[in-house]
Amino acid sequence: MIKAIFFDLDDTLLWDQKSVKEAFIATCQIAHEKFGVDPDQLEEAVRNEARELYSSYETYEFTQMIGINPFEGLWGNFLDDEENFKKMSEIVPAYRKEAWTRGLKACGIDDQEFGAKLAEEFPAQRRQKPFVYDESFKVLDELKDTYRLLLLTNGSPDLQNTKLDITPELVPYFEQIIISGAFGRGKPDASIFEHALEKMNLTKDEAIMVGDNLMTDILGASRAGIKSVWINRHDKERNEVIPTFEITHLEELYPILDKLNK
């Protein structure tokens, strides 16, 4: 009997990739207006530089374990107490400047001051552009009276709470909100799923995990013996991780839950 649904946040309920994309479009447009640089080319260059820089820092292993990607580093402040987050908050101002300055340079523009300006612009744009999938609220409304809901998200508490602050309508649906950076390990570590079950006083057969990422949400649920639903909206390739169910739209959860609770 399924009593609770664990939801991932980014790209399951919140359309984080679109928010990041729109922030890049708006920021790169400024460079286009000033220097005539191709916005798509600049975005790609900055993304590449960001990935490369991000993986060079001593905090990289920690960010991998907690589940924080390079583009979150381009706008998050990481004002958390934990030692590694303190290091990250010291690293990110220079990281942002460097990523944008190097990206510009790759497009033939050597201008550190302008790189620094874009590095400030991107976080401002990202905060102005929170996107929630059209069906998220509808589905949560439909489920909230029958099931207990928990949000299980990877990331820095400071940054994930910022995302929730700019989409405050999401918060009241959830009985518990568990953020990997506060727990100390991220999905796919089985321990964070076990922690979620404990918080809700449930057995593994009473919960189901819904998420978009095979390597975190689905793999972690499977390691903890929890059934999983992979939301695959963008026709991603399957890999060796096998979800219990696969859907392309959150409303497809209803028949799955009905079937499991027959």
C-alpha atoms as a PDB file:
ATOM      1  CA  MET A   1       0.000   0.000   0.000  1.00  0.00           C
ATOM      2  CA  ILE A   2       1.505   3.318  -1.080  1.00  0.00           C
ATOM      3  CA  LYS A   3       0.985   5.973   1.585  1.00  0.00           C
ATOM      4  CA  ALA A   4       3.568   8.585   0.579  1.00  0.00           C
ATOM      5  CA  ILE A   5       5.096  10.040  -2.558  1.00  0.00           C
ATOM      6  CA  PHE A   6       8.643  11.374  -2.515  1.00  0.00           C
ATOM      7  CA  PHE A   7       9.170  14.027  -5.182  1.00  0.00           C
ATOM      8  CA  ASP A   8      12.430  15.319  -6.573  1.00  0.00           C
ATOM      9  CA  LEU A   9      12.446  19.112  -7.088  1.00  0.00           C
ATOM     10  CA  ASP A  10      14.656  20.187 -10.019  1.00  0.00           C
ATOM     11  CA  ASP A  11      13.323  19.198 -13.439  1.00  0.00           C
ATOM     12  CA  THR A  12      10.568  17.131 -11.820  1.00  0.00           C
ATOM     13  CA  LEU A  13       8.352  19.869 -10.329  1.00  0.00           C
ATOM     14  CA  LEU A  14      10.508  22.929 -11.058  1.00  0.00           C
ATOM     15  CA  TRP A  15      11.737  23.318 -14.629  1.00  0.00           C
ATOM     16  CA  ASP A  16      15.257  24.228 -13.584  1.00  0.00           C
ATOM     17  CA  GLN A  17      16.876  23.613 -16.970  1.00  0.00           C
ATOM     18  CA  LYS A  18      14.538  26.134 -18.566  1.00  0.00           C
ATOM     19  CA  SER A  19      15.266  28.696 -15.838  1.00  0.00           C
ATOM     20  CA  VAL A  20      18.999  28.302 -16.433  1.00  0.00           C
ATOM     21  CA  LYS A  21      18.553  28.431 -20.213  1.00  0.00           C
ATOM     22  CA  GLU A  22      16.450  31.627 -20.050  1.00  0.00           C
ATOM     23  CA  ALA A  23      18.982  33.252 -17.705  1.00  0.00           C
ATOM     24  CA  PHE A  24      21.744  32.409 -20.198  1.00  0.00           C
ATOM     25  CA  ILE A  25      19.702  33.821 -23.102  1.00  0.00           C
ATOM     26  CA  ALA A  26      19.063  37.116 -21.276  1.00  0.00           C
ATOM     27  CA  THR A  27      22.675  37.482 -20.096  1.00  0.00           C
ATOM     28  CA  CYS A  28      24.267  36.543 -23.430  1.00  0.00           C
ATOM     29  CA  GLN A  29      21.959  39.007 -25.176  1.00  0.00           C
ATOM     30  CA  ILE A  30      23.703  41.839 -23.272  1.00  0.00           C
ATOM     31  CA  ALA A  31      27.042  40.710 -24.723  1.00  0.00           C
ATOM     32  CA  HIS A  32      25.451  40.508 -28.151  1.00  0.00           C
ATOM     33  CA  GLU A  33      24.214  44.100 -27.870  1.00  0.00           C
ATOM     34  CA  LYS A  34      27.586  45.398 -26.722  1.00  0.00           C
ATOM     35  CA  PHE A  35      29.987  43.363 -28.884  1.00  0.00           C
ATOM     36  CA  GLY A  36      27.822  41.664 -31.499  1.00  0.00           C
ATOM     37  CA  VAL A  37      28.885  38.280 -30.133  1.00  0.00           C
ATOM     38  CA  ASP A  38      26.741  35.265 -31.088  1.00  0.00           C
ATOM     39  CA  PRO A  39      24.640  34.555 -27.932  1.00  0.00           C
ATOM     40  CA  ASP A  40      24.460  30.789 -28.539  1.00  0.00           C
ATOM     41  CA  GLN A  41      28.204  30.583 -29.059  1.00  0.00           C
ATOM     42  CA  LEU A  42      28.839  32.537 -25.855  1.00  0.00           C
ATOM     43  CA  GLU A  43      26.444  30.374 -23.853  1.00  0.00           C
ATOM     44  CA  GLU A  44      28.173  27.212 -25.027  1.00  0.00           C
ATOM     45  CA  ALA A  45      31.599  28.681 -24.276  1.00  0.00           C
ATOM     46  CA  VAL A  46      30.588  29.763 -20.758  1.00  0.00           C
ATOM     47  CA  ARG A  47      28.993  26.387 -20.033  1.00  0.00           C
ATOM     48  CA  ASN A  48      32.203  24.633 -21.122  1.00  0.00           C
ATOM     49  CA  GLU A  49      34.449  26.938 -19.090  1.00  0.00           C
ATOM     50  CA  ALA A  50      32.159  26.607 -16.069  1.00  0.00           C
ATOM     51  CA  ARG A  51      32.272  22.801 -16.184  1.00  0.00           C
ATOM     52  CA  GLU A  52      36.042  22.786 -16.517  1.00  0.00           C
ATOM     53  CA  LEU A  53      36.661  25.295 -13.728  1.00  0.00           C
ATOM     54  CA  TYR A  54      34.109  23.702 -11.432  1.00  0.00           C
ATOM     55  CA  SER A  55      35.773  20.297 -11.631  1.00  0.00           C
ATOM     56  CA  SER A  56      39.174  21.846 -10.782  1.00  0.00           C
ATOM     57  CA  TYR A  57      38.199  23.070  -7.295  1.00  0.00           C
ATOM     58  CA  GLU A  58      38.876  21.170  -4.073  1.00  0.00           C
ATOM     59  CA  THR A  59      35.121  21.216  -3.388  1.00  0.00           C
ATOM     60  CA  TYR A  60      34.333  19.211  -6.539  1.00  0.00           C
ATOM     61  CA  GLU A  61      34.108  15.813  -4.882  1.00  0.00           C
ATOM     62  CA  PHE A  62      31.778  17.251  -2.233  1.00  0.00           C
ATOM     63  CA  THR A  63      29.544  18.899  -4.861  1.00  0.00           C
ATOM     64  CA  GLN A  64      29.335  15.562  -6.682  1.00  0.00           C
ATOM     65  CA  MET A  65      28.301  13.758  -3.500  1.00  0.00           C
ATOM     66  CA  ILE A  66      25.688  16.388  -2.533  1.00  0.00           C
ATOM     67  CA  GLY A  67      24.518  16.864  -6.131  1.00  0.00           C
ATOM     68  CA  ILE A  68      25.278  20.487  -7.043  1.00  0.00           C
ATOM     69  CA  ASN A  69      25.977  21.205 -10.702  1.00  0.00           C
ATOM     70  CA  PRO A  70      28.289  23.841 -12.261  1.00  0.00           C
ATOM     71  CA  PHE A  71      25.385  26.083 -13.298  1.00  0.00           C
ATOM     72  CA  GLU A  72      24.056  26.224  -9.751  1.00  0.00           C
ATOM     73  CA  GLY A  73      27.529  27.447  -8.869  1.00  0.00           C
ATOM     74  CA  LEU A  74      26.994  30.315 -11.316  1.00  0.00           C
ATOM     75  CA  TRP A  75      24.151  31.756  -9.235  1.00  0.00           C
ATOM     76  CA  GLY A  76      24.050  30.147  -5.755  1.00  0.00           C
ATOM     77  CA  ASN A  77      25.612  31.821  -2.712  1.00  0.00           C
ATOM     78  CA  PHE A  78      25.973  28.689  -0.522  1.00  0.00           C
ATOM     79  CA  LEU A  79      25.521  30.540   2.751  1.00  0.00           C
ATOM     80  CA  ASP A  80      25.433  27.314   4.736  1.00  0.00           C
ATOM     81  CA  ASP A  81      27.351  26.517   7.918  1.00  0.00           C
ATOM     82  CA  GLU A  82      29.012  23.321   6.735  1.00  0.00           C
ATOM     83  CA  GLU A  83      32.756  23.596   6.041  1.00  0.00           C
ATOM     84  CA  ASN A  84      32.587  22.674   2.330  1.00  0.00           C
ATOM     85  CA  PHE A  85      29.767  25.144   1.705  1.00  0.00           C
ATOM     86  CA  LYS A  86      31.866  27.848   3.378  1.00  0.00           C
ATOM     87  CA  LYS A  87      34.662  26.998   0.946  1.00  0.00           C
ATOM     88  CA  MET A  88      32.204  27.118  -1.945  1.00  0.00           C
ATOM     89  CA  SER A  89      30.878  30.523  -0.921  1.00  0.00           C
ATOM     90  CA  GLU A  90      34.479  31.780  -1.002  1.00  0.00           C
ATOM     91  CA  ILE A  91      35.157  30.180  -4.386  1.00  0.00           C
ATOM     92  CA  VAL A  92      32.019  31.154  -6.318  1.00  0.00           C
ATOM     93  CA  PRO A  93      32.547  34.918  -6.822  1.00  0.00           C
ATOM     94  CA  ALA A  94      35.856  34.324  -8.641  1.00  0.00           C
ATOM     95  CA  TYR A  95      34.453  31.204 -10.349  1.00  0.00           C
ATOM     96  CA  ARG A  96      31.588  33.162 -11.909  1.00  0.00           C
ATOM     97  CA  LYS A  97      33.822  35.984 -13.079  1.00  0.00           C
ATOM     98  CA  GLU A  98      36.341  33.551 -14.498  1.00  0.00           C
ATOM     99  CA  ALA A  99      33.717  31.418 -16.306  1.00  0.00           C
ATOM    100  CA  TRP A 100      32.154  34.441 -18.016  1.00  0.00           C
ATOM    101  CA  THR A 101      35.490  36.149 -18.751  1.00  0.00           C
ATOM    102  CA  ARG A 102      36.938  32.971 -20.272  1.00  0.00           C
ATOM    103  CA  GLY A 103      33.721  32.375 -22.211  1.00  0.00           C
ATOM    104  CA  LEU A 104      33.953  35.857 -23.703  1.00  0.00           C
ATOM    105  CA  LYS A 105      37.611  35.276 -24.514  1.00  0.00           C
ATOM    106  CA  ALA A 106      36.722  32.069 -26.361  1.00  0.00           C
ATOM    107  CA  CYS A 107      34.432  34.257 -28.505  1.00  0.00           C
ATOM    108  CA  GLY A 108      37.260  36.722 -29.189  1.00  0.00           C
ATOM    109  CA  ILE A 109      36.482  39.327 -26.510  1.00  0.00           C
ATOM    110  CA  ASP A 110      39.082  39.980 -23.845  1.00  0.00           C
ATOM    111  CA  ASP A 111      37.307  42.152 -21.280  1.00  0.00           C
ATOM    112  CA  GLN A 112      37.527  41.197 -17.603  1.00  0.00           C
ATOM    113  CA  GLU A 113      35.353  44.046 -16.435  1.00  0.00           C
ATOM    114  CA  PHE A 114      32.538  43.054 -18.765  1.00  0.00           C
ATOM    115  CA  GLY A 115      33.002  39.401 -17.740  1.00  0.00           C
ATOM    116  CA  ALA A 116      32.483  40.478 -14.123  1.00  0.00           C
ATOM    117  CA  LYS A 117      29.338  42.383 -15.131  1.00  0.00           C
ATOM    118  CA  LEU A 118      27.835  39.335 -16.846  1.00  0.00           C
ATOM    119  CA  ALA A 119      28.786  37.191 -13.832  1.00  0.00           C
ATOM    120  CA  GLU A 120      26.539  39.459 -11.719  1.00  0.00           C
ATOM    121  CA  GLU A 121      23.794  39.605 -14.315  1.00  0.00           C
ATOM    122  CA  PHE A 122      23.308  35.840 -14.609  1.00  0.00           C
ATOM    123  CA  PRO A 123      22.296  35.250 -10.936  1.00  0.00           C
ATOM    124  CA  ALA A 124      19.874  38.192 -11.110  1.00  0.00           C
ATOM    125  CA  GLN A 125      18.287  36.764 -14.264  1.00  0.00           C
ATOM    126  CA  ARG A 126      18.083  33.253 -12.795  1.00  0.00           C
ATOM    127  CA  ARG A 127      16.242  34.557  -9.732  1.00  0.00           C
ATOM    128  CA  GLN A 128      13.731  36.364 -11.936  1.00  0.00           C
ATOM    129  CA  LYS A 129      12.968  33.272 -13.974  1.00  0.00           C
ATOM    130  CA  PRO A 130      11.527  30.477 -11.865  1.00  0.00           C
ATOM    131  CA  PHE A 131       9.589  28.022 -14.038  1.00  0.00           C
ATOM    132  CA  VAL A 132       7.287  25.358 -12.645  1.00  0.00           C
ATOM    133  CA  TYR A 133       5.946  22.670 -15.003  1.00  0.00           C
ATOM    134  CA  ASP A 134       2.345  23.371 -16.003  1.00  0.00           C
ATOM    135  CA  GLU A 135       1.000  20.232 -14.375  1.00  0.00           C
ATOM    136  CA  SER A 136       2.933  20.396 -11.071  1.00  0.00           C
ATOM    137  CA  PHE A 137       0.322  22.236  -8.979  1.00  0.00           C
ATOM    138  CA  LYS A 138      -2.587  20.384 -10.542  1.00  0.00           C
ATOM    139  CA  VAL A 139      -1.040  17.010  -9.709  1.00  0.00           C
ATOM    140  CA  LEU A 140      -0.003  18.022  -6.187  1.00  0.00           C
ATOM    141  CA  ASP A 141      -3.549  19.281  -5.561  1.00  0.00           C
ATOM    142  CA  GLU A 142      -4.934  15.995  -6.770  1.00  0.00           C
ATOM    143  CA  LEU A 143      -2.601  13.893  -4.599  1.00  0.00           C
ATOM    144  CA  LYS A 144      -2.339  15.898  -1.394  1.00  0.00           C
ATOM    145  CA  ASP A 145      -5.530  14.641   0.258  1.00  0.00           C
ATOM    146  CA  THR A 146      -4.837  10.953  -0.415  1.00  0.00           C
ATOM    147  CA  TYR A 147      -1.066  10.732  -0.018  1.00  0.00           C
ATOM    148  CA  ARG A 148       1.564  12.176   2.277  1.00  0.00           C
ATOM    149  CA  LEU A 149       4.067  14.178   0.235  1.00  0.00           C
ATOM    150  CA  LEU A 150       7.782  14.644   0.815  1.00  0.00           C
ATOM    151  CA  LEU A 151      10.298  16.671  -1.183  1.00  0.00           C
ATOM    152  CA  LEU A 152      13.711  15.022  -1.557  1.00  0.00           C
ATOM    153  CA  THR A 153      16.193  17.281  -3.286  1.00  0.00           C
ATOM    154  CA  ASN A 154      19.937  17.328  -3.865  1.00  0.00           C
ATOM    155  CA  GLY A 155      21.788  20.566  -3.282  1.00  0.00           C
ATOM    156  CA  SER A 156      22.814  23.289  -0.883  1.00  0.00           C
ATOM    157  CA  PRO A 157      20.130  24.172   1.683  1.00  0.00           C
ATOM    158  CA  ASP A 158      20.718  27.863   0.963  1.00  0.00           C
ATOM    159  CA  LEU A 159      20.240  27.438  -2.784  1.00  0.00           C
ATOM    160  CA  GLN A 160      17.363  24.943  -2.685  1.00  0.00           C
ATOM    161  CA  ASN A 161      15.551  27.160  -0.190  1.00  0.00           C
ATOM    162  CA  THR A 162      16.132  30.128  -2.506  1.00  0.00           C
ATOM    163  CA  LYS A 163      14.427  28.150  -5.278  1.00  0.00           C
ATOM    164  CA  LEU A 164      11.522  27.446  -2.927  1.00  0.00           C
ATOM    165  CA  ASP A 165      11.411  31.102  -1.800  1.00  0.00           C
ATOM    166  CA  ILE A 166      10.864  32.211  -5.397  1.00  0.00           C
ATOM    167  CA  THR A 167       8.160  29.548  -5.911  1.00  0.00           C
ATOM    168  CA  PRO A 168       6.544  29.709  -2.443  1.00  0.00           C
ATOM    169  CA  GLU A 169       3.320  28.027  -3.622  1.00  0.00           C
ATOM    170  CA  LEU A 170       5.132  24.667  -3.711  1.00  0.00           C
ATOM    171  CA  VAL A 171       6.167  24.513  -0.061  1.00  0.00           C
ATOM    172  CA  PRO A 172       2.797  23.935   1.695  1.00  0.00           C
ATOM    173  CA  TYR A 173       2.197  20.660  -0.173  1.00  0.00           C
ATOM    174  CA  PHE A 174       5.046  18.899   1.620  1.00  0.00           C
ATOM    175  CA  GLU A 175       5.026  17.378   5.064  1.00  0.00           C
ATOM    176  CA  GLN A 176       8.823  17.156   4.967  1.00  0.00           C
ATOM    177  CA  ILE A 177      11.490  18.812   2.816  1.00  0.00           C
ATOM    178  CA  ILE A 178      14.824  16.991   2.850  1.00  0.00           C
ATOM    179  CA  ILE A 179      17.850  18.661   1.249  1.00  0.00           C
ATOM    180  CA  SER A 180      20.991  16.588   0.706  1.00  0.00           C
ATOM    181  CA  GLY A 181      23.351  19.350   1.842  1.00  0.00           C
ATOM    182  CA  ALA A 182      21.655  19.452   5.238  1.00  0.00           C
ATOM    183  CA  PHE A 183      21.594  15.660   5.549  1.00  0.00           C
ATOM    184  CA  GLY A 184      25.250  15.215   4.539  1.00  0.00           C
ATOM    185  CA  ARG A 185      24.854  12.849   1.594  1.00  0.00           C
ATOM    186  CA  GLY A 186      22.930  13.138  -1.657  1.00  0.00           C
ATOM    187  CA  LYS A 187      20.896  10.868  -3.911  1.00  0.00           C
ATOM    188  CA  PRO A 188      21.719   8.134  -5.067  1.00  0.00           C
ATOM    189  CA  ASP A 189      23.061   7.280  -1.591  1.00  0.00           C
ATOM    190  CA  ALA A 190      20.526   4.908  -0.041  1.00  0.00           C
ATOM    191  CA  SER A 191      20.940   6.572   3.366  1.00  0.00           C
ATOM    192  CA  ILE A 192      19.076   9.752   2.380  1.00  0.00           C
ATOM    193  CA  PHE A 193      16.096   7.655   1.228  1.00  0.00           C
ATOM    194  CA  GLU A 194      16.198   5.675   4.476  1.00  0.00           C
ATOM    195  CA  HIS A 195      16.307   8.981   6.361  1.00  0.00           C
ATOM    196  CA  ALA A 196      13.193  10.126   4.449  1.00  0.00           C
ATOM    197  CA  LEU A 197      11.337   6.911   5.355  1.00  0.00           C
ATOM    198  CA  GLU A 198      12.339   7.365   8.984  1.00  0.00           C
ATOM    199  CA  LYS A 199      11.165  10.993   9.038  1.00  0.00           C
ATOM    200  CA  MET A 200       7.768   9.869   7.739  1.00  0.00           C
ATOM    201  CA  ASN A 201       7.670   6.710   9.860  1.00  0.00           C
ATOM    202  CA  LEU A 202       7.145   4.494   6.798  1.00  0.00           C
ATOM    203  CA  THR A 203       8.428   1.197   5.488  1.00  0.00           C
ATOM    204  CA  LYS A 204      10.061   1.058   2.054  1.00  0.00           C
ATOM    205  CA  ASP A 205       6.925  -0.524   0.558  1.00  0.00           C
ATOM    206  CA  GLU A 206       4.768   2.412   1.627  1.00  0.00           C
ATOM    207  CA  ALA A 207       6.586   5.048  -0.436  1.00  0.00           C
ATOM    208  CA  ILE A 208       7.305   5.697  -4.096  1.00  0.00           C
ATOM    209  CA  MET A 209       9.947   8.050  -5.534  1.00  0.00           C
ATOM    210  CA  VAL A 210       9.218  10.316  -8.512  1.00  0.00           C
ATOM    211  CA  GLY A 211      12.153  11.968 -10.272  1.00  0.00           C
ATOM    212  CA  ASP A 212      13.708  12.868 -13.621  1.00  0.00           C
ATOM    213  CA  ASN A 213      17.230  11.593 -13.015  1.00  0.00           C
ATOM    214  CA  LEU A 214      18.052   7.914 -13.457  1.00  0.00           C
ATOM    215  CA  MET A 215      21.461   8.223 -11.779  1.00  0.00           C
ATOM    216  CA  THR A 216      20.224   9.965  -8.609  1.00  0.00           C
ATOM    217  CA  ASP A 217      16.460   9.636  -8.033  1.00  0.00           C
ATOM    218  CA  ILE A 218      15.892   6.220  -9.555  1.00  0.00           C
ATOM    219  CA  LEU A 219      19.191   4.558  -8.660  1.00  0.00           C
ATOM    220  CA  GLY A 220      18.925   5.782  -5.060  1.00  0.00           C
ATOM    221  CA  ALA A 221      15.328   4.592  -4.678  1.00  0.00           C
ATOM    222  CA  SER A 222      16.291   1.214  -6.087  1.00  0.00           C
ATOM    223  CA  ARG A 223      19.242   0.927  -3.645  1.00  0.00           C
ATOM    224  CA  ALA A 224      16.856   1.663  -0.772  1.00  0.00           C
ATOM    225  CA  GLY A 225      14.284  -0.859  -2.056  1.00  0.00           C
ATOM    226  CA  ILE A 226      11.725   1.854  -2.857  1.00  0.00           C
ATOM    227  CA  LYS A 227       9.579   1.729  -6.012  1.00  0.00           C
ATOM    228  CA  SER A 228      10.355   4.486  -8.489  1.00  0.00           C
ATOM    229  CA  VAL A 229       8.720   6.471 -11.271  1.00  0.00           C
ATOM    230  CA  TRP A 230      11.029   8.014 -13.848  1.00  0.00           C
ATOM    231  CA  ILE A 231       9.524  11.147 -15.366  1.00  0.00           C
ATOM    232  CA  ASN A 232      11.091  11.260 -18.809  1.00  0.00           C
ATOM    233  CA  ARG A 233       9.598  14.359 -20.426  1.00  0.00           C
ATOM    234  CA  HIS A 234      12.396  14.968 -22.889  1.00  0.00           C
ATOM    235  CA  ASP A 235      12.775  11.480 -24.340  1.00  0.00           C
ATOM    236  CA  LYS A 236      16.086  10.723 -22.659  1.00  0.00           C
ATOM    237  CA  GLU A 237      17.906   7.467 -23.344  1.00  0.00           C
ATOM    238  CA  ARG A 238      17.581   4.649 -20.832  1.00  0.00           C
ATOM    239  CA  ASN A 239      20.723   3.241 -19.254  1.00  0.00           C
ATOM    240  CA  GLU A 240      21.441   0.319 -16.940  1.00  0.00           C
ATOM    241  CA  VAL A 241      19.275   1.830 -14.165  1.00  0.00           C
ATOM    242  CA  ILE A 242      15.747   0.471 -14.456  1.00  0.00           C
ATOM    243  CA  PRO A 243      12.843   2.409 -12.915  1.00  0.00           C
ATOM    244  CA  THR A 244       9.752   0.535 -11.710  1.00  0.00           C
ATOM    245  CA  PHE A 245       7.648   2.797 -13.963  1.00  0.00           C
ATOM    246  CA  GLU A 246       8.347   5.370 -16.673  1.00  0.00           C
ATOM    247  CA  ILE A 247       6.070   8.307 -17.523  1.00  0.00           C
ATOM    248  CA  THR A 248       6.273  11.402 -19.717  1.00  0.00           C
ATOM    249  CA  HIS A 249       3.779  13.564 -17.779  1.00  0.00           C
ATOM    250  CA  LEU A 250       3.045  13.761 -14.046  1.00  0.00           C
ATOM    251  CA  GLU A 251      -0.660  13.042 -14.564  1.00  0.00           C
ATOM    252  CA  GLU A 252       0.335   9.506 -15.585  1.00  0.00           C
ATOM    253  CA  LEU A 253       1.010   8.921 -11.879  1.00  0.00           C
ATOM    254  CA  TYR A 254      -2.714   8.465 -11.134  1.00  0.00           C
ATOM    255  CA  PRO A 255      -3.219   5.079 -12.839  1.00  0.00           C
ATOM    256  CA  ILE A 256       0.089   3.807 -11.420  1.00  0.00           C
ATOM    257  CA  LEU A 257      -0.952   4.682  -7.874  1.00  0.00           C
ATOM    258  CA  ASP A 258      -4.424   3.225  -8.410  1.00  0.00           C
ATOM    259  CA  LYS A 259      -2.916  -0.013  -9.656  1.00  0.00           C
ATOM    260  CA  LEU A 260      -0.458  -0.261  -6.746  1.00  0.00           C
ATOM    261  CA  ASN A 261      -3.189   0.366  -4.206  1.00  0.00           C
ATOM    262  CA  LYS A 262      -5.768  -2.052  -5.625  1.00  0.00           C
END
